[in-house]
Amino acid sequence: MMISTTAIQRGSGTDRYKKVVFLSKGERSAVKNGEKVYFRSDYLSGGRHGTYWRYVINYGDNFYPRVPDSEEIKFLDSNDRKEQ
């Protein structure tokens, strides 16, 4: 598991093409090898009580954002609070 500080989500909501850009070489290779790379998006998912956390998937030459499940979100939020 990695948490990216450089990844940015392009596109939001019902945009047809949502992508993740500015991943480091190590993060890209980790995603291609099946490891989960998480990042904080600028876009809230799931409405008022949603999350900003996303993980990255690889399809072809592109990287796409996906919303993690509730257990992963709890874990990421608890680690995020410890770092602050």
N, C-alpha and C. Protein backbone atom coordinates (compact mmCIF):
# COMPACT_ATOMS: atom_id res chain seq x y z
N MET A 1 0.84 -1.18 0.00
CA MET A 1 0.00 0.00 0.00
C MET A 1 0.88 1.24 0.00
N MET A 2 0.57 2.16 -0.89
CA MET A 2 1.29 3.43 -0.96
C MET A 2 0.28 4.56 -0.93
N ILE A 3 0.70 5.70 -0.40
CA ILE A 3 -0.12 6.91 -0.46
C ILE A 3 0.66 7.94 -1.26
N SER A 4 0.10 8.34 -2.38
CA SER A 4 0.78 9.28 -3.27
C SER A 4 0.54 10.72 -2.82
N THR A 5 1.58 11.52 -2.87
CA THR A 5 1.44 12.95 -2.58
C THR A 5 1.44 13.78 -3.86
N THR A 6 1.68 13.12 -5.00
CA THR A 6 1.78 13.86 -6.26
C THR A 6 0.60 13.62 -7.20
N ALA A 7 -0.18 12.57 -6.98
CA ALA A 7 -1.27 12.21 -7.90
C ALA A 7 -2.39 13.24 -7.85
N ILE A 8 -2.95 13.51 -9.02
CA ILE A 8 -4.07 14.45 -9.16
C ILE A 8 -5.11 13.79 -10.06
N GLN A 9 -6.38 13.96 -9.70
CA GLN A 9 -7.47 13.44 -10.52
C GLN A 9 -7.91 14.51 -11.51
N ARG A 10 -7.97 14.13 -12.78
CA ARG A 10 -8.51 15.01 -13.84
C ARG A 10 -9.90 14.52 -14.17
N GLY A 11 -10.87 15.40 -14.10
CA GLY A 11 -12.26 15.04 -14.37
C GLY A 11 -12.97 14.64 -13.10
N SER A 12 -14.27 14.92 -13.03
CA SER A 12 -15.04 14.60 -11.83
C SER A 12 -16.50 14.36 -12.19
N GLY A 13 -17.25 13.88 -11.20
CA GLY A 13 -18.68 13.70 -11.38
C GLY A 13 -19.02 12.78 -12.54
N THR A 14 -19.81 13.29 -13.47
CA THR A 14 -20.24 12.48 -14.61
C THR A 14 -19.34 12.67 -15.83
N ASP A 15 -18.17 13.29 -15.64
CA ASP A 15 -17.24 13.42 -16.76
C ASP A 15 -16.97 12.04 -17.35
N ARG A 16 -16.96 11.98 -18.65
CA ARG A 16 -16.76 10.70 -19.32
C ARG A 16 -15.35 10.15 -19.09
N TYR A 17 -14.39 11.03 -19.09
CA TYR A 17 -13.00 10.60 -18.97
C TYR A 17 -12.40 11.14 -17.68
N LYS A 18 -12.28 10.29 -16.67
CA LYS A 18 -11.60 10.64 -15.43
C LYS A 18 -10.27 9.90 -15.44
N LYS A 19 -9.19 10.61 -15.17
CA LYS A 19 -7.87 9.98 -15.16
C LYS A 19 -7.08 10.47 -13.96
N VAL A 20 -6.03 9.74 -13.64
CA VAL A 20 -5.09 10.13 -12.60
C VAL A 20 -3.78 10.47 -13.28
N VAL A 21 -3.25 11.65 -12.97
CA VAL A 21 -2.01 12.11 -13.57
C VAL A 21 -1.00 12.46 -12.48
N PHE A 22 0.24 12.66 -12.87
CA PHE A 22 1.35 13.05 -12.00
C PHE A 22 1.73 11.97 -10.99
N LEU A 23 1.58 10.70 -11.38
CA LEU A 23 2.10 9.62 -10.56
C LEU A 23 3.60 9.50 -10.80
N SER A 24 4.35 9.18 -9.76
CA SER A 24 5.79 8.97 -9.94
C SER A 24 6.02 7.64 -10.65
N LYS A 25 7.23 7.41 -11.12
CA LYS A 25 7.53 6.16 -11.81
C LYS A 25 7.32 4.96 -10.89
N GLY A 26 7.72 5.11 -9.65
CA GLY A 26 7.53 4.03 -8.68
C GLY A 26 6.07 3.73 -8.43
N GLU A 27 5.25 4.77 -8.35
CA GLU A 27 3.81 4.59 -8.13
C GLU A 27 3.16 3.92 -9.34
N ARG A 28 3.56 4.34 -10.54
CA ARG A 28 3.01 3.73 -11.75
C ARG A 28 3.35 2.24 -11.83
N SER A 29 4.59 1.91 -11.53
CA SER A 29 4.99 0.50 -11.59
C SER A 29 4.29 -0.31 -10.49
N ALA A 30 4.07 0.29 -9.32
CA ALA A 30 3.35 -0.40 -8.25
C ALA A 30 1.91 -0.71 -8.67
N VAL A 31 1.25 0.25 -9.31
CA VAL A 31 -0.12 0.02 -9.78
C VAL A 31 -0.14 -1.08 -10.83
N LYS A 32 0.81 -1.05 -11.74
CA LYS A 32 0.86 -2.08 -12.79
C LYS A 32 1.14 -3.46 -12.22
N ASN A 33 1.82 -3.53 -11.07
CA ASN A 33 2.12 -4.81 -10.42
C ASN A 33 1.02 -5.24 -9.46
N GLY A 34 -0.08 -4.49 -9.40
CA GLY A 34 -1.22 -4.91 -8.60
C GLY A 34 -1.29 -4.33 -7.20
N GLU A 35 -0.34 -3.48 -6.85
CA GLU A 35 -0.36 -2.86 -5.52
C GLU A 35 -1.33 -1.68 -5.53
N LYS A 36 -1.98 -1.43 -4.41
CA LYS A 36 -2.91 -0.30 -4.34
C LYS A 36 -2.14 0.97 -3.98
N VAL A 37 -2.37 2.00 -4.78
CA VAL A 37 -1.80 3.33 -4.53
C VAL A 37 -2.97 4.27 -4.28
N TYR A 38 -3.00 4.88 -3.11
CA TYR A 38 -4.08 5.78 -2.71
C TYR A 38 -3.64 7.23 -2.86
N PHE A 39 -4.60 8.11 -3.03
CA PHE A 39 -4.33 9.55 -3.05
C PHE A 39 -5.59 10.29 -2.63
N ARG A 40 -5.41 11.55 -2.23
CA ARG A 40 -6.55 12.40 -1.86
C ARG A 40 -6.92 13.23 -3.07
N SER A 41 -8.16 13.05 -3.51
CA SER A 41 -8.68 13.79 -4.65
C SER A 41 -9.19 15.16 -4.18
N ASP A 42 -9.32 16.08 -5.10
CA ASP A 42 -9.92 17.37 -4.79
C ASP A 42 -11.44 17.31 -4.83
N TYR A 43 -11.97 16.15 -5.26
CA TYR A 43 -13.40 16.02 -5.47
C TYR A 43 -14.01 15.05 -4.45
N LEU A 44 -15.08 15.47 -3.81
CA LEU A 44 -15.80 14.63 -2.85
C LEU A 44 -16.64 13.61 -3.60
N SER A 45 -16.58 12.37 -3.18
CA SER A 45 -17.39 11.32 -3.80
C SER A 45 -18.37 10.79 -2.78
N GLY A 46 -19.59 10.56 -3.19
CA GLY A 46 -20.56 9.96 -2.29
C GLY A 46 -21.41 10.96 -1.54
N GLY A 47 -21.47 12.19 -2.00
CA GLY A 47 -22.34 13.17 -1.37
C GLY A 47 -21.76 13.79 -0.12
N ARG A 48 -22.63 14.32 0.69
CA ARG A 48 -22.24 15.09 1.87
C ARG A 48 -21.34 14.32 2.83
N HIS A 49 -21.58 13.03 2.99
CA HIS A 49 -20.80 12.22 3.92
C HIS A 49 -19.82 11.32 3.18
N GLY A 50 -19.40 11.74 2.02
CA GLY A 50 -18.51 10.93 1.19
C GLY A 50 -17.06 11.05 1.58
N THR A 51 -16.18 10.73 0.66
CA THR A 51 -14.75 10.72 0.92
C THR A 51 -13.98 11.38 -0.22
N TYR A 52 -12.79 11.82 0.11
CA TYR A 52 -11.87 12.36 -0.89
C TYR A 52 -10.84 11.32 -1.31
N TRP A 53 -10.77 10.20 -0.61
CA TRP A 53 -9.78 9.18 -0.91
C TRP A 53 -10.12 8.42 -2.19
N ARG A 54 -9.09 8.11 -2.96
CA ARG A 54 -9.22 7.29 -4.16
C ARG A 54 -8.03 6.34 -4.22
N TYR A 55 -8.20 5.26 -4.97
CA TYR A 55 -7.05 4.44 -5.32
C TYR A 55 -6.97 4.39 -6.84
N VAL A 56 -5.83 3.97 -7.34
CA VAL A 56 -5.54 4.04 -8.77
C VAL A 56 -5.58 2.64 -9.37
N ILE A 57 -6.24 2.53 -10.54
CA ILE A 57 -6.18 1.30 -11.31
C ILE A 57 -5.54 1.61 -12.65
N ASN A 58 -5.02 0.57 -13.27
CA ASN A 58 -4.38 0.69 -14.58
C ASN A 58 -5.19 -0.07 -15.60
N TYR A 59 -5.47 0.60 -16.72
CA TYR A 59 -6.15 -0.05 -17.83
C TYR A 59 -5.49 0.44 -19.10
N GLY A 60 -4.80 -0.46 -19.78
CA GLY A 60 -4.02 -0.05 -20.95
C GLY A 60 -2.86 0.82 -20.52
N ASP A 61 -2.75 1.98 -21.16
CA ASP A 61 -1.68 2.92 -20.81
C ASP A 61 -2.15 4.01 -19.85
N ASN A 62 -3.39 3.93 -19.39
CA ASN A 62 -3.96 5.00 -18.57
C ASN A 62 -4.20 4.55 -17.14
N PHE A 63 -4.31 5.53 -16.26
CA PHE A 63 -4.56 5.29 -14.85
C PHE A 63 -5.86 5.99 -14.47
N TYR A 64 -6.73 5.26 -13.76
CA TYR A 64 -8.07 5.77 -13.44
C TYR A 64 -8.32 5.73 -11.94
N PRO A 65 -9.13 6.67 -11.43
CA PRO A 65 -9.45 6.68 -9.99
C PRO A 65 -10.63 5.78 -9.66
N ARG A 66 -10.58 5.16 -8.51
CA ARG A 66 -11.69 4.38 -7.99
C ARG A 66 -11.84 4.71 -6.50
N VAL A 67 -13.07 4.64 -6.01
CA VAL A 67 -13.34 4.94 -4.60
C VAL A 67 -13.14 3.66 -3.79
N PRO A 68 -12.33 3.74 -2.72
CA PRO A 68 -12.11 2.55 -1.89
C PRO A 68 -13.36 2.18 -1.08
N ASP A 69 -13.37 0.96 -0.54
CA ASP A 69 -14.51 0.55 0.27
C ASP A 69 -14.44 1.20 1.66
N SER A 70 -15.48 1.05 2.43
CA SER A 70 -15.60 1.77 3.71
C SER A 70 -14.51 1.39 4.71
N GLU A 71 -14.07 0.13 4.72
CA GLU A 71 -13.00 -0.29 5.64
C GLU A 71 -11.68 0.39 5.30
N GLU A 72 -11.38 0.48 4.01
CA GLU A 72 -10.15 1.16 3.58
C GLU A 72 -10.21 2.64 3.92
N ILE A 73 -11.37 3.25 3.75
CA ILE A 73 -11.53 4.68 4.05
C ILE A 73 -11.29 4.94 5.53
N LYS A 74 -11.84 4.09 6.39
CA LYS A 74 -11.63 4.24 7.84
C LYS A 74 -10.15 4.14 8.18
N PHE A 75 -9.47 3.17 7.58
CA PHE A 75 -8.04 2.99 7.82
C PHE A 75 -7.25 4.21 7.35
N LEU A 76 -7.55 4.70 6.16
CA LEU A 76 -6.83 5.86 5.61
C LEU A 76 -7.10 7.11 6.44
N ASP A 77 -8.35 7.31 6.87
CA ASP A 77 -8.68 8.47 7.70
C ASP A 77 -7.97 8.41 9.04
N SER A 78 -7.89 7.22 9.64
CA SER A 78 -7.22 7.11 10.94
C SER A 78 -5.72 7.39 10.81
N ASN A 79 -5.10 6.92 9.73
CA ASN A 79 -3.68 7.20 9.52
C ASN A 79 -3.45 8.67 9.18
N ASP A 80 -4.39 9.27 8.46
CA ASP A 80 -4.27 10.68 8.10
C ASP A 80 -4.34 11.57 9.33
N ARG A 81 -5.18 11.23 10.29
CA ARG A 81 -5.31 12.02 11.53
C ARG A 81 -4.04 11.90 12.38
N LYS A 82 -3.41 10.71 12.38
CA LYS A 82 -2.18 10.51 13.15
C LYS A 82 -1.05 11.38 12.62
N GLU A 83 -1.01 11.60 11.30
CA GLU A 83 0.07 12.36 10.69
C GLU A 83 -0.09 13.85 10.92
N GLN A 84 -1.31 14.31 11.17
CA GLN A 84 -1.52 15.76 11.32
C GLN A 84 -1.13 16.26 12.65
